[in-house]
Amino acid sequence: MTDSSLPLAPSQSSSASKPQAVGQVQWLAGRLAGATLILMAIGSATRVMNAGLACPDWPLCYGQLVPSQQMNLQVFLEWFHRLDASIVGFGTIALAGLSLWKRRQLPHWLPWAAIAALSLVIFQGVLGAFTVTELLRFDIVTAHLGTALLFFSLLLTIAVTLKPYQAMGSAGSLRWIGLGAAILVYGQSILGGLVATQWALHQCLAGSQLCQVMNRHFWGVLPATLAILALVTLTLRKPAVSPLLRRLAIGSGLALLAQASLGVAALRLRLQVETLTVSHQLVGATLLGLLISFTIIAWRDQSEAKAVTRPESAKVVKPKAMASQTMT
């Protein structure tokens, strides 16, 4: 007779703590991804308001943690951008520390992914410093944006991979279409960053040769749009696709529509309305996040369903024929 008050065996205790550890890391990675999305929006607002050099030094602002005497809208934007970046940075340190501390209860790839996220956020901090010291050089600012998007994508990958999900095995080729669409949108985001950091639209309208940069961004819209439309159409036509994949596909289609509308409006108004420009970048990053989430879920839907239905490798040994019990 067993006593329920007895302590669990080490293997039972480890098994019981595994879902808790996974949930903690998944929660933290998801919150950091949301904070990074907000951080990119603040960074965009800082750029369009010409506040990138409002704090002339780094990492402090006018040599202070809070420059109260110099505070105005531009200084506040740059200071708050750095504050949010610091919060994300310390949160990523916590994510890496938690993943290493509870690595025995986590998937083997997770500590490496957390270390990669920490490396990206350190590199991002270095680029942030060069952005100020090199006086907003366009290539450094664009690399700053590209690294932020990679960091955001990695955090989403961690969070969505750890999310509880019941695989249905109906995604099929949707995972490849989602991956292709995500890569195209990431490339478009980089081209958009080049347009923004070189003020290519303003200079193009004034007759500058930077129209080439602008045209690449315009033409890049076509393949990304076709890939997203194909993803949405094929997902909605699959009757057995999971509800989560269907919602992510619809969200991607709506984000594409919003992004196109914001882009046309910003172009017609010649980037004179700052909120349109900020919203354009924010919706673009959101679209990338939706596509990455779709791709990860579609990949899990296929691989986890196969893992469940895969026959056991153990061979079945047929019983020998029983000897006759009668003696002649």
Protein backbone atom coordinates (compact mmCIF):
# COMPACT_ATOMS: atom_id res chain seq x y z
CA MET A 1 0.00 0.00 0.00
CA THR A 2 1.40 3.36 -1.07
CA ASP A 3 1.32 6.59 0.93
CA SER A 4 0.41 9.68 -1.15
CA SER A 5 2.27 11.89 1.34
CA LEU A 6 5.63 10.35 0.43
CA PRO A 7 7.93 12.64 -1.63
CA LEU A 8 8.16 12.04 -5.36
CA ALA A 9 11.08 10.13 -6.77
CA PRO A 10 13.71 12.27 -8.55
CA SER A 11 12.50 11.14 -11.99
CA GLN A 12 8.88 11.90 -11.09
CA SER A 13 9.83 15.33 -9.69
CA SER A 14 11.77 16.19 -12.86
CA SER A 15 8.88 15.06 -15.04
CA ALA A 16 6.43 17.17 -13.04
CA SER A 17 8.61 20.31 -13.23
CA LYS A 18 9.19 20.06 -17.00
CA PRO A 19 5.88 21.67 -18.10
CA GLN A 20 6.39 24.45 -15.56
CA ALA A 21 9.88 25.24 -16.86
CA VAL A 22 8.68 25.22 -20.47
CA GLY A 23 5.78 27.50 -19.57
CA GLN A 24 8.06 29.98 -17.81
CA VAL A 25 10.44 30.25 -20.77
CA GLN A 26 7.56 30.45 -23.24
CA TRP A 27 5.92 33.26 -21.25
CA LEU A 28 9.14 35.27 -20.98
CA ALA A 29 10.05 34.85 -24.65
CA GLY A 30 6.56 35.95 -25.70
CA ARG A 31 6.67 39.06 -23.51
CA LEU A 32 10.13 39.96 -24.82
CA ALA A 33 8.89 39.59 -28.40
CA GLY A 34 6.05 42.03 -27.64
CA ALA A 35 8.46 44.48 -26.01
CA THR A 36 10.75 44.26 -29.04
CA LEU A 37 7.85 45.07 -31.36
CA ILE A 38 7.11 48.18 -29.29
CA LEU A 39 10.83 49.02 -29.26
CA MET A 40 10.95 48.96 -33.07
CA ALA A 41 7.93 51.28 -33.23
CA ILE A 42 9.62 53.71 -30.83
CA GLY A 43 12.80 53.52 -32.90
CA SER A 44 10.83 54.37 -36.03
CA ALA A 45 9.21 57.33 -34.26
CA THR A 46 12.65 58.47 -33.12
CA ARG A 47 13.90 58.43 -36.70
CA VAL A 48 10.97 60.22 -38.35
CA MET A 49 11.03 62.90 -35.63
CA ASN A 50 14.75 63.48 -36.27
CA ALA A 51 15.50 62.52 -32.67
CA GLY A 52 18.23 59.96 -33.36
CA LEU A 53 20.92 62.31 -32.08
CA ALA A 54 18.82 64.05 -29.43
CA CYS A 55 21.08 62.42 -26.86
CA PRO A 56 24.60 63.29 -28.06
CA ASP A 57 26.35 60.68 -25.89
CA TRP A 58 25.91 56.95 -25.19
CA PRO A 59 24.82 55.01 -23.13
CA LEU A 60 23.77 57.95 -20.92
CA CYS A 61 21.91 60.99 -22.19
CA TYR A 62 23.70 64.26 -21.51
CA GLY A 63 25.74 62.29 -18.98
CA GLN A 64 22.65 61.44 -16.93
CA LEU A 65 20.27 58.53 -16.48
CA VAL A 66 17.32 60.94 -16.76
CA PRO A 67 18.16 64.25 -18.50
CA SER A 68 15.41 66.25 -16.80
CA GLN A 69 16.81 69.70 -17.68
CA GLN A 70 17.23 68.94 -21.41
CA MET A 71 13.98 66.97 -21.72
CA ASN A 72 11.76 67.75 -24.70
CA LEU A 73 9.87 65.55 -27.18
CA GLN A 74 12.93 64.58 -29.20
CA VAL A 75 15.10 63.90 -26.15
CA PHE A 76 12.26 61.92 -24.58
CA LEU A 77 11.88 59.71 -27.68
CA GLU A 78 15.58 58.86 -27.81
CA TRP A 79 15.82 58.42 -24.03
CA PHE A 80 12.70 56.22 -23.90
CA HIS A 81 14.00 54.18 -26.84
CA ARG A 82 17.16 53.44 -24.86
CA LEU A 83 15.15 52.68 -21.72
CA ASP A 84 12.99 50.13 -23.55
CA ALA A 85 16.11 48.65 -25.14
CA SER A 86 17.65 48.24 -21.68
CA ILE A 87 14.54 46.46 -20.41
CA VAL A 88 14.63 44.08 -23.38
CA GLY A 89 18.35 43.52 -22.84
CA PHE A 90 18.01 42.61 -19.16
CA GLY A 91 14.99 40.46 -20.00
CA THR A 92 17.08 38.55 -22.54
CA ILE A 93 19.78 37.99 -19.92
CA ALA A 94 17.04 36.56 -17.68
CA LEU A 95 15.83 34.35 -20.55
CA ALA A 96 19.31 32.95 -21.14
CA GLY A 97 19.90 32.44 -17.42
CA LEU A 98 16.57 30.69 -16.93
CA SER A 99 17.16 28.44 -19.93
CA LEU A 100 20.59 27.40 -18.66
CA TRP A 101 19.40 26.95 -15.08
CA LYS A 102 16.50 24.69 -16.07
CA ARG A 103 18.12 23.09 -19.09
CA ARG A 104 17.44 19.56 -17.80
CA GLN A 105 13.69 20.22 -17.96
CA LEU A 106 13.82 21.97 -21.36
CA PRO A 107 14.34 20.84 -24.97
CA HIS A 108 18.04 20.49 -25.73
CA TRP A 109 17.96 23.25 -28.37
CA LEU A 110 16.45 25.88 -26.10
CA PRO A 111 19.56 27.03 -24.15
CA TRP A 112 21.40 27.46 -27.46
CA ALA A 113 18.53 29.51 -28.88
CA ALA A 114 18.49 31.69 -25.74
CA ILE A 115 22.27 32.22 -26.01
CA ALA A 116 21.81 33.19 -29.68
CA ALA A 117 19.14 35.72 -28.62
CA LEU A 118 21.51 37.15 -26.02
CA SER A 119 24.27 37.43 -28.64
CA LEU A 120 21.92 39.30 -30.96
CA VAL A 121 20.86 41.74 -28.27
CA ILE A 122 24.51 42.44 -27.37
CA PHE A 123 25.31 43.03 -31.04
CA GLN A 124 22.24 45.25 -31.26
CA GLY A 125 23.55 47.33 -28.36
CA VAL A 126 26.88 47.76 -30.14
CA LEU A 127 25.08 48.89 -33.29
CA GLY A 128 23.03 51.31 -31.19
CA ALA A 129 26.21 52.87 -29.88
CA PHE A 130 27.68 53.17 -33.39
CA THR A 131 24.42 54.71 -34.58
CA VAL A 132 25.09 57.66 -32.26
CA THR A 133 28.87 57.88 -32.57
CA GLU A 134 28.79 57.56 -36.39
CA LEU A 135 26.04 60.20 -36.66
CA LEU A 136 23.24 57.99 -38.03
CA ARG A 137 25.17 56.39 -40.90
CA PHE A 138 22.52 54.78 -43.10
CA ASP A 139 24.20 51.34 -43.30
CA ILE A 140 24.57 51.11 -39.52
CA VAL A 141 20.97 52.23 -38.93
CA THR A 142 19.74 49.66 -41.47
CA ALA A 143 21.81 46.93 -39.82
CA HIS A 144 20.31 48.04 -36.50
CA LEU A 145 16.81 47.45 -37.92
CA GLY A 146 17.77 44.13 -39.53
CA THR A 147 19.22 42.80 -36.29
CA ALA A 148 16.14 43.90 -34.37
CA LEU A 149 13.93 41.97 -36.79
CA LEU A 150 16.14 38.87 -36.48
CA PHE A 151 16.00 39.13 -32.69
CA PHE A 152 12.22 39.57 -32.80
CA SER A 153 11.92 36.55 -35.11
CA LEU A 154 14.05 34.36 -32.85
CA LEU A 155 12.04 35.26 -29.76
CA LEU A 156 8.81 34.46 -31.61
CA THR A 157 10.27 31.16 -32.77
CA ILE A 158 11.07 30.19 -29.19
CA ALA A 159 7.65 31.25 -27.87
CA VAL A 160 5.60 29.62 -30.64
CA THR A 161 7.62 26.40 -30.62
CA LEU A 162 6.94 25.98 -26.90
CA LYS A 163 3.25 26.88 -27.20
CA PRO A 164 0.88 23.95 -26.50
CA TYR A 165 -0.55 22.76 -29.80
CA GLN A 166 -2.55 19.77 -30.98
CA ALA A 167 -1.11 18.69 -34.33
CA MET A 168 -3.53 17.66 -37.09
CA GLY A 169 -1.07 16.77 -39.83
CA SER A 170 -2.88 18.81 -42.51
CA ALA A 171 -0.41 21.67 -43.10
CA GLY A 172 1.52 19.97 -45.91
CA SER A 173 3.36 22.40 -48.17
CA LEU A 174 1.97 25.43 -46.32
CA ARG A 175 5.06 25.47 -44.12
CA TRP A 176 7.31 26.09 -47.14
CA ILE A 177 5.02 28.81 -48.50
CA GLY A 178 4.96 30.46 -45.09
CA LEU A 179 8.75 30.32 -44.85
CA GLY A 180 9.15 31.83 -48.31
CA ALA A 181 6.69 34.61 -47.53
CA ALA A 182 8.48 35.40 -44.24
CA ILE A 183 11.86 35.64 -46.02
CA LEU A 184 10.41 37.93 -48.68
CA VAL A 185 8.81 40.20 -46.07
CA TYR A 186 12.07 40.34 -44.12
CA GLY A 187 13.88 41.39 -47.31
CA GLN A 188 11.23 44.02 -47.96
CA SER A 189 11.70 45.33 -44.43
CA ILE A 190 15.44 45.74 -45.05
CA LEU A 191 14.77 47.56 -48.34
CA GLY A 192 12.26 49.75 -46.52
CA GLY A 193 14.92 50.49 -43.93
CA LEU A 194 17.32 51.59 -46.67
CA VAL A 195 14.64 53.83 -48.14
CA ALA A 196 13.96 55.37 -44.73
CA THR A 197 17.55 55.82 -43.56
CA GLN A 198 18.63 57.44 -46.86
CA TRP A 199 15.42 59.47 -47.11
CA ALA A 200 15.21 57.98 -50.58
CA LEU A 201 11.59 58.92 -51.23
CA HIS A 202 12.20 62.59 -50.45
CA GLN A 203 15.31 62.64 -52.61
CA CYS A 204 13.64 60.68 -55.39
CA LEU A 205 10.81 63.20 -55.54
CA ALA A 206 13.48 65.90 -55.80
CA GLY A 207 15.11 64.18 -58.80
CA SER A 208 17.93 62.31 -57.04
CA GLN A 209 19.44 59.02 -58.26
CA LEU A 210 18.20 57.38 -55.06
CA CYS A 211 15.07 56.54 -57.06
CA GLN A 212 16.80 53.18 -57.69
CA VAL A 213 16.58 52.36 -53.99
CA MET A 214 12.94 53.41 -53.95
CA ASN A 215 12.11 51.36 -57.05
CA ARG A 216 13.64 48.21 -55.59
CA HIS A 217 11.36 48.57 -52.61
CA PHE A 218 8.36 49.10 -54.88
CA TRP A 219 9.13 46.07 -57.07
CA GLY A 220 9.85 43.95 -54.02
CA VAL A 221 6.23 44.36 -52.94
CA LEU A 222 5.05 42.12 -55.79
CA PRO A 223 6.66 38.76 -54.86
CA ALA A 224 5.95 39.23 -51.16
CA THR A 225 2.31 40.07 -51.86
CA LEU A 226 1.85 37.08 -54.19
CA ALA A 227 3.39 34.73 -51.62
CA ILE A 228 1.09 35.97 -48.84
CA LEU A 229 -1.99 35.80 -51.07
CA ALA A 230 -1.08 32.24 -52.04
CA LEU A 231 -0.65 31.36 -48.38
CA VAL A 232 -4.02 32.80 -47.40
CA THR A 233 -5.84 31.22 -50.34
CA LEU A 234 -4.40 27.73 -49.92
CA THR A 235 -4.94 27.79 -46.16
CA LEU A 236 -8.59 28.77 -46.46
CA ARG A 237 -9.15 26.13 -49.15
CA LYS A 238 -7.88 23.34 -46.91
CA PRO A 239 -10.93 22.06 -45.01
CA ALA A 240 -8.94 20.13 -42.40
CA VAL A 241 -6.42 22.85 -41.53
CA SER A 242 -6.16 23.72 -37.84
CA PRO A 243 -8.10 26.76 -36.56
CA LEU A 244 -4.88 28.38 -35.35
CA LEU A 245 -3.28 28.22 -38.80
CA ARG A 246 -6.49 29.60 -40.31
CA ARG A 247 -6.47 32.57 -37.90
CA LEU A 248 -2.80 33.28 -38.56
CA ALA A 249 -3.36 33.19 -42.32
CA ILE A 250 -6.33 35.57 -42.08
CA GLY A 251 -4.30 37.86 -39.81
CA SER A 252 -1.47 37.88 -42.37
CA GLY A 253 -3.90 38.83 -45.12
CA LEU A 254 -5.37 41.67 -43.07
CA ALA A 255 -1.89 42.91 -42.12
CA LEU A 256 -0.92 42.86 -45.82
CA LEU A 257 -3.97 44.96 -46.68
CA ALA A 258 -3.20 47.43 -43.89
CA GLN A 259 0.47 47.62 -44.91
CA ALA A 260 -0.39 48.34 -48.54
CA SER A 261 -2.91 51.02 -47.54
CA LEU A 262 -0.43 52.71 -45.21
CA GLY A 263 2.28 52.61 -47.87
CA VAL A 264 0.07 54.23 -50.51
CA ALA A 265 -1.14 56.86 -48.05
CA ALA A 266 2.41 57.69 -46.93
CA LEU A 267 3.54 57.97 -50.55
CA ARG A 268 0.70 60.27 -51.57
CA LEU A 269 1.27 62.48 -48.56
CA ARG A 270 5.04 62.46 -49.24
CA LEU A 271 5.84 61.18 -45.74
CA GLN A 272 4.55 64.39 -44.19
CA VAL A 273 2.44 62.50 -41.61
CA GLU A 274 4.81 60.85 -39.14
CA THR A 275 2.21 58.50 -37.68
CA LEU A 276 1.69 56.89 -41.10
CA THR A 277 5.39 56.15 -41.45
CA VAL A 278 5.63 54.70 -37.94
CA SER A 279 2.49 52.62 -38.48
CA HIS A 280 3.88 51.33 -41.79
CA GLN A 281 6.97 49.92 -40.08
CA LEU A 282 4.98 48.60 -37.11
CA VAL A 283 2.49 46.75 -39.31
CA GLY A 284 5.37 45.40 -41.42
CA ALA A 285 7.03 43.91 -38.33
CA THR A 286 3.66 42.53 -37.21
CA LEU A 287 3.17 40.91 -40.62
CA LEU A 288 6.60 39.31 -40.34
CA GLY A 289 5.71 38.00 -36.87
CA LEU A 290 2.43 36.49 -38.12
CA LEU A 291 4.20 34.72 -40.98
CA ILE A 292 6.90 33.35 -38.69
CA SER A 293 4.27 32.11 -36.25
CA PHE A 294 2.36 30.49 -39.13
CA THR A 295 5.50 28.78 -40.41
CA ILE A 296 6.47 27.39 -37.00
CA ILE A 297 2.96 26.09 -36.30
CA ALA A 298 2.71 24.57 -39.79
CA TRP A 299 6.07 22.86 -39.30
CA ARG A 300 4.97 21.50 -35.93
CA ASP A 301 1.63 20.42 -37.36
CA GLN A 302 3.38 18.22 -39.89
CA SER A 303 6.31 16.90 -37.84
CA GLU A 304 4.43 16.26 -34.59
CA ALA A 305 1.59 14.49 -36.38
CA LYS A 306 4.09 12.19 -38.06
CA ALA A 307 5.75 11.51 -34.71
CA VAL A 308 2.42 10.42 -33.24
CA THR A 309 1.48 8.13 -36.13
CA ARG A 310 4.95 6.70 -36.73
CA PRO A 311 4.95 2.94 -36.08
CA GLU A 312 7.14 1.66 -33.32
CA SER A 313 10.51 0.43 -34.42
CA ALA A 314 10.43 -2.53 -32.10
CA LYS A 315 9.88 -5.75 -33.94
CA VAL A 316 6.93 -7.88 -32.99
CA VAL A 317 8.00 -11.38 -32.16
CA LYS A 318 5.49 -13.93 -33.20
CA PRO A 319 4.84 -16.61 -30.59
CA LYS A 320 6.05 -20.03 -31.43
CA ALA A 321 3.47 -22.63 -32.24
CA MET A 322 2.44 -24.53 -29.19
CA ALA A 323 3.49 -28.12 -29.04
CA SER A 324 0.82 -30.67 -29.23
CA GLN A 325 -0.30 -31.78 -25.83
CA THR A 326 -1.32 -35.22 -27.02
CA MET A 327 1.17 -37.98 -27.32
CA THR A 328 0.85 -40.57 -29.87
